[in-house]
C-alpha atoms as a PDB file:
ATOM      1  CA  UNK A   1      54.037  -8.737  13.237  1.00  0.00           C
ATOM      2  CA  UNK A   2      56.892 -11.190  12.512  1.00  0.00           C
ATOM      3  CA  UNK A   3      57.006 -14.552  13.816  1.00  0.00           C
ATOM      4  CA  UNK A   4      60.157 -13.762  15.736  1.00  0.00           C
ATOM      5  CA  UNK A   5      59.089 -10.415  16.809  1.00  0.00           C
ATOM      6  CA  UNK A   6      58.810 -10.417  20.508  1.00  0.00           C
ATOM      7  CA  UNK A   7      55.373  -9.820  21.992  1.00  0.00           C
ATOM      8  CA  UNK A   8      54.836  -6.480  23.134  1.00  0.00           C
ATOM      9  CA  UNK A   9      56.992  -4.652  20.874  1.00  0.00           C
ATOM     10  CA  UNK A  10      55.556  -1.322  19.748  1.00  0.00           C
ATOM     11  CA  UNK A  11      56.962  -0.812  16.166  1.00  0.00           C
ATOM     12  CA  UNK A  12      55.562   2.748  16.147  1.00  0.00           C
ATOM     13  CA  UNK A  13      58.419   4.211  18.209  1.00  0.00           C
ATOM     14  CA  UNK A  14      58.295   7.779  18.436  1.00  0.00           C
ATOM     15  CA  UNK A  15      61.796   9.011  17.159  1.00  0.00           C
ATOM     16  CA  UNK A  16      63.132  12.552  17.237  1.00  0.00           C
ATOM     17  CA  UNK A  17      65.971  13.240  14.799  1.00  0.00           C
ATOM     18  CA  UNK A  18      67.579  16.446  14.834  1.00  0.00           C
ATOM     19  CA  UNK A  19      69.539  18.607  12.233  1.00  0.00           C
ATOM     20  CA  UNK A  20      72.630  16.673  12.965  1.00  0.00           C
ATOM     21  CA  UNK A  21      71.379  13.364  12.621  1.00  0.00           C
ATOM     22  CA  UNK A  22      71.081  12.588  16.143  1.00  0.00           C
ATOM     23  CA  UNK A  23      68.377  10.038  17.001  1.00  0.00           C
ATOM     24  CA  UNK A  24      66.458  10.128  20.238  1.00  0.00           C
ATOM     25  CA  UNK A  25      63.782   7.636  21.408  1.00  0.00           C
ATOM     26  CA  UNK A  26      62.401   5.653  24.091  1.00  0.00           C
ATOM     27  CA  UNK A  27      62.374   1.756  24.361  1.00  0.00           C
ATOM     28  CA  UNK A  28      60.265  -0.266  26.743  1.00  0.00           C
ATOM     29  CA  UNK A  29      63.139  -1.245  29.521  1.00  0.00           C
ATOM     30  CA  UNK A  30      61.927  -4.617  29.318  1.00  0.00           C
ATOM     31  CA  UNK A  31      65.130  -7.132  29.035  1.00  0.00           C
ATOM     32  CA  UNK A  32      62.974  -9.660  26.758  1.00  0.00           C
ATOM     33  CA  UNK A  33      62.467  -6.833  24.159  1.00  0.00           C
ATOM     34  CA  UNK A  34      64.713  -4.108  24.382  1.00  0.00           C
ATOM     35  CA  UNK A  35      67.436  -5.172  21.948  1.00  0.00           C
ATOM     36  CA  UNK A  36      64.993  -6.104  19.610  1.00  0.00           C
ATOM     37  CA  UNK A  37      63.334  -2.470  19.948  1.00  0.00           C
ATOM     38  CA  UNK A  38      66.744  -0.698  19.557  1.00  0.00           C
ATOM     39  CA  UNK A  39      67.576  -2.778  16.473  1.00  0.00           C
ATOM     40  CA  UNK A  40      64.032  -2.047  14.954  1.00  0.00           C
ATOM     41  CA  UNK A  41      64.411   1.816  15.206  1.00  0.00           C
ATOM     42  CA  UNK A  42      68.076   1.786  13.785  1.00  0.00           C
ATOM     43  CA  UNK A  43      66.908  -0.432  10.747  1.00  0.00           C
ATOM     44  CA  UNK A  44      63.861   1.783  10.016  1.00  0.00           C
ATOM     45  CA  UNK A  45      65.819   4.800  10.149  1.00  0.00           C
ATOM     46  CA  UNK A  46      68.272   3.267   7.929  1.00  0.00           C
ATOM     47  CA  UNK A  47      65.885   1.880   5.504  1.00  0.00           C
ATOM     48  CA  UNK A  48      67.223  -1.682   5.546  1.00  0.00           C
ATOM     49  CA  UNK A  49      66.111  -5.202   6.939  1.00  0.00           C
ATOM     50  CA  UNK A  50      67.108  -5.798  10.534  1.00  0.00           C
ATOM     51  CA  UNK A  51      68.870  -8.791   9.184  1.00  0.00           C
ATOM     52  CA  UNK A  52      71.414  -6.953   7.443  1.00  0.00           C
ATOM     53  CA  UNK A  53      72.859  -5.190  10.510  1.00  0.00           C
ATOM     54  CA  UNK A  54      75.805  -6.466  12.010  1.00  0.00           C
ATOM     55  CA  UNK A  55      75.217  -8.622  15.140  1.00  0.00           C
ATOM     56  CA  UNK A  56      74.481  -6.576  18.174  1.00  0.00           C
ATOM     57  CA  UNK A  57      75.263  -9.645  20.258  1.00  0.00           C
ATOM     58  CA  UNK A  58      79.005  -9.848  18.936  1.00  0.00           C
ATOM     59  CA  UNK A  59      79.431  -5.933  20.014  1.00  0.00           C
ATOM     60  CA  UNK A  60      77.653  -5.664  23.599  1.00  0.00           C
ATOM     61  CA  UNK A  61      76.684  -9.312  24.108  1.00  0.00           C
ATOM     62  CA  UNK A  62      73.397  -9.295  26.164  1.00  0.00           C
ATOM     63  CA  UNK A  63      74.298  -6.272  28.213  1.00  0.00           C
ATOM     64  CA  UNK A  64      71.343  -3.861  26.778  1.00  0.00           C
ATOM     65  CA  UNK A  65      68.714  -6.547  27.942  1.00  0.00           C
ATOM     66  CA  UNK A  66      70.676  -7.168  31.090  1.00  0.00           C
ATOM     67  CA  UNK A  67      70.700  -3.438  31.869  1.00  0.00           C
ATOM     68  CA  UNK A  68      66.692  -3.822  32.356  1.00  0.00           C
ATOM     69  CA  UNK A  69      66.913  -7.074  34.275  1.00  0.00           C
ATOM     70  CA  UNK A  70      68.335  -5.680  37.469  1.00  0.00           C
ATOM     71  CA  UNK A  71      68.588  -1.880  37.016  1.00  0.00           C
ATOM     72  CA  UNK A  72      70.508   0.034  39.333  1.00  0.00           C
ATOM     73  CA  UNK A  73      69.334   2.902  41.504  1.00  0.00           C
ATOM     74  CA  UNK A  74      68.506   6.092  39.543  1.00  0.00           C
ATOM     75  CA  UNK A  75      71.135   7.820  41.728  1.00  0.00           C
ATOM     76  CA  UNK A  76      73.830   5.913  40.062  1.00  0.00           C
ATOM     77  CA  UNK A  77      72.914   7.798  36.896  1.00  0.00           C
ATOM     78  CA  UNK A  78      74.174   4.685  34.897  1.00  0.00           C
ATOM     79  CA  UNK A  79      74.275   4.805  31.067  1.00  0.00           C
ATOM     80  CA  UNK A  80      75.613   2.367  28.642  1.00  0.00           C
ATOM     81  CA  UNK A  81      77.436   3.639  25.388  1.00  0.00           C
ATOM     82  CA  UNK A  82      78.832   1.649  22.957  1.00  0.00           C
ATOM     83  CA  UNK A  83      79.685   2.005  18.800  1.00  0.00           C
ATOM     84  CA  UNK A  84      77.469  -0.067  16.726  1.00  0.00           C
ATOM     85  CA  UNK A  85      76.499   0.158  13.044  1.00  0.00           C
ATOM     86  CA  UNK A  86      77.713   3.929  12.468  1.00  0.00           C
ATOM     87  CA  UNK A  87      76.055   5.062  15.840  1.00  0.00           C
ATOM     88  CA  UNK A  88      77.508   6.145  18.878  1.00  0.00           C
ATOM     89  CA  UNK A  89      74.493   4.591  21.044  1.00  0.00           C
ATOM     90  CA  UNK A  90      73.627   5.472  24.596  1.00  0.00           C
ATOM     91  CA  UNK A  91      71.082   3.771  26.650  1.00  0.00           C
ATOM     92  CA  UNK A  92      69.952   4.686  30.054  1.00  0.00           C
ATOM     93  CA  UNK A  93      67.788   2.069  32.682  1.00  0.00           C
ATOM     94  CA  UNK A  94      64.726   4.034  31.719  1.00  0.00           C
ATOM     95  CA  UNK A  95      64.857   3.119  28.228  1.00  0.00           C
ATOM     96  CA  UNK A  96      66.166   6.463  26.833  1.00  0.00           C
ATOM     97  CA  UNK A  97      68.040   6.157  23.807  1.00  0.00           C
ATOM     98  CA  UNK A  98      70.451   8.540  22.076  1.00  0.00           C
ATOM     99  CA  UNK A  99      72.144   7.461  18.878  1.00  0.00           C
ATOM    100  CA  UNK A 100      74.853   9.784  17.368  1.00  0.00           C
ATOM    101  CA  UNK A 101      76.044   9.090  13.742  1.00  0.00           C
ATOM    102  CA  UNK A 102      80.056   8.560  13.769  1.00  0.00           C
ATOM    103  CA  UNK A 103      82.262   6.699  11.695  1.00  0.00           C
ATOM    104  CA  UNK A 104      81.278   3.316  11.062  1.00  0.00           C
ATOM    105  CA  UNK A 105      82.750   0.850  14.044  1.00  0.00           C
ATOM    106  CA  UNK A 106      83.924  -1.191  11.072  1.00  0.00           C
ATOM    107  CA  UNK A 107      85.737   1.455   9.412  1.00  0.00           C
ATOM    108  CA  UNK A 108      83.501   2.648   6.933  1.00  0.00           C
ATOM    109  CA  UNK A 109      82.437   6.737   6.922  1.00  0.00           C
ATOM    110  CA  UNK A 110      78.785   7.465   7.227  1.00  0.00           C
ATOM    111  CA  UNK A 111      77.411  10.123   4.756  1.00  0.00           C
ATOM    112  CA  UNK A 112      77.565  13.356   6.334  1.00  0.00           C
END
């Protein structure tokens, strides 16, 4: 575990990747670790260091963690979807994450 890794983070997240490169996985719905967990999965999948990813904060501020801080009722069926680092990412209050490869949000195409 790195010194800056939040405690309670499970580095061994079970990630399903389908034939279209769509990733599906769960993260702990914890406002303290959710963003870190999401970035860890993305960096591991792309085989890069997390520090090489663009700033998530500049894209969605702290909305991912905030979603888990005071989650809405399940009947609201809330999902947060945003573009980041070549993926269209959807996160639910229960911690389910879907990452669909798309053209990079910074203008570069992903390998197809």
